[in-house]
Amino acid sequence: METILAGFAEFDNNLRASRTVRHESQELIRLRTQGMITDDEFMAQKRILNERRVAIDETSSGDADLGEIQKHLAEIAAPLRH
């Protein structure tokens, strides 16, 4: 049970991190479109964001098994009902 909850927590953390990287990518595009940063600055920051995205994806790939969490959902939710 603890392993499942830990996997779910990691899945949630990775989802939040992924959303943050997506938001930062959109902001970076906005800054470049408005001419607030140069092409070189844009490319450097884009590389950093892509590296972060890859790191998040690698972390997410094996640890949080959503199917396993779904199988044990009743067991996970039981303490919340009391």
Protein backbone atom coordinates (compact mmCIF):
# COMPACT_ATOMS: atom_id res chain seq x y z
CA MET A 1 0.00 0.00 0.00
CA GLU A 2 2.80 2.44 0.90
CA THR A 3 4.52 1.67 -2.39
CA ILE A 4 1.36 2.48 -4.29
CA LEU A 5 0.88 5.76 -2.43
CA ALA A 6 4.52 6.67 -2.98
CA GLY A 7 4.11 5.91 -6.68
CA PHE A 8 1.01 8.06 -6.83
CA ALA A 9 2.78 10.92 -5.04
CA GLU A 10 5.67 10.71 -7.49
CA PHE A 11 3.22 10.64 -10.41
CA ASP A 12 1.55 13.77 -9.02
CA ASN A 13 4.90 15.54 -8.54
CA ASN A 14 5.96 14.69 -12.09
CA LEU A 15 2.65 15.95 -13.45
CA ARG A 16 3.11 19.26 -11.63
CA ALA A 17 6.70 19.57 -12.85
CA SER A 18 5.60 18.83 -16.41
CA ARG A 19 2.95 21.53 -16.23
CA THR A 20 5.53 23.99 -14.90
CA VAL A 21 7.91 23.25 -17.76
CA ARG A 22 5.05 23.64 -20.27
CA HIS A 23 4.11 26.99 -18.73
CA GLU A 24 7.72 28.17 -18.78
CA SER A 25 8.02 27.12 -22.44
CA GLN A 26 4.96 29.19 -23.33
CA GLU A 27 6.37 32.15 -21.42
CA LEU A 28 9.70 31.78 -23.22
CA ILE A 29 7.92 31.84 -26.58
CA ARG A 30 6.01 34.95 -25.52
CA LEU A 31 9.23 36.70 -24.51
CA ARG A 32 10.85 35.88 -27.84
CA THR A 33 7.77 36.91 -29.83
CA GLN A 34 7.74 40.27 -28.07
CA GLY A 35 11.44 40.75 -28.78
CA MET A 36 12.36 40.77 -25.09
CA ILE A 37 15.08 38.14 -25.55
CA THR A 38 17.46 37.34 -28.39
CA ASP A 39 17.47 34.20 -30.52
CA ASP A 40 20.57 32.98 -28.67
CA GLU A 41 18.93 33.53 -25.27
CA PHE A 42 15.80 31.78 -26.51
CA MET A 43 17.72 28.76 -27.77
CA ALA A 44 19.77 28.49 -24.56
CA GLN A 45 16.65 28.57 -22.36
CA LYS A 46 14.79 26.21 -24.68
CA ARG A 47 17.65 23.69 -24.34
CA ILE A 48 17.44 23.91 -20.55
CA LEU A 49 13.66 23.39 -20.58
CA ASN A 50 14.00 20.42 -22.94
CA GLU A 51 16.57 18.83 -20.62
CA ARG A 52 14.19 19.29 -17.68
CA ARG A 53 11.33 17.77 -19.71
CA VAL A 54 13.45 14.73 -20.60
CA ALA A 55 14.47 14.28 -16.95
CA ILE A 56 10.81 14.40 -15.87
CA ASP A 57 9.81 11.92 -18.57
CA GLU A 58 12.59 9.52 -17.56
CA THR A 59 11.49 9.68 -13.93
CA SER A 60 7.85 9.12 -14.87
CA SER A 61 8.39 6.15 -17.13
CA GLY A 62 8.53 3.31 -14.63
CA ASP A 63 7.81 4.16 -11.04
CA ALA A 64 4.15 5.16 -11.02
CA ASP A 65 2.06 2.31 -12.39
CA LEU A 66 -1.37 3.84 -12.91
CA GLY A 67 -2.95 0.43 -13.57
CA GLU A 68 -1.70 -0.86 -10.23
CA ILE A 69 -3.06 2.22 -8.46
CA GLN A 70 -6.46 1.73 -10.10
CA LYS A 71 -6.55 -1.92 -9.00
CA HIS A 72 -6.08 -0.85 -5.38
CA LEU A 73 -8.19 2.29 -5.47
CA ALA A 74 -10.81 0.93 -3.05
CA GLU A 75 -8.08 -0.01 -0.58
CA ILE A 76 -6.50 3.43 -0.93
CA ALA A 77 -9.80 5.26 -0.49
CA ALA A 78 -11.12 3.18 2.42
CA PRO A 79 -9.40 5.21 5.18
CA LEU A 80 -10.78 8.40 3.70
CA ARG A 81 -14.36 7.19 4.10
CA HIS A 82 -14.10 6.77 7.87
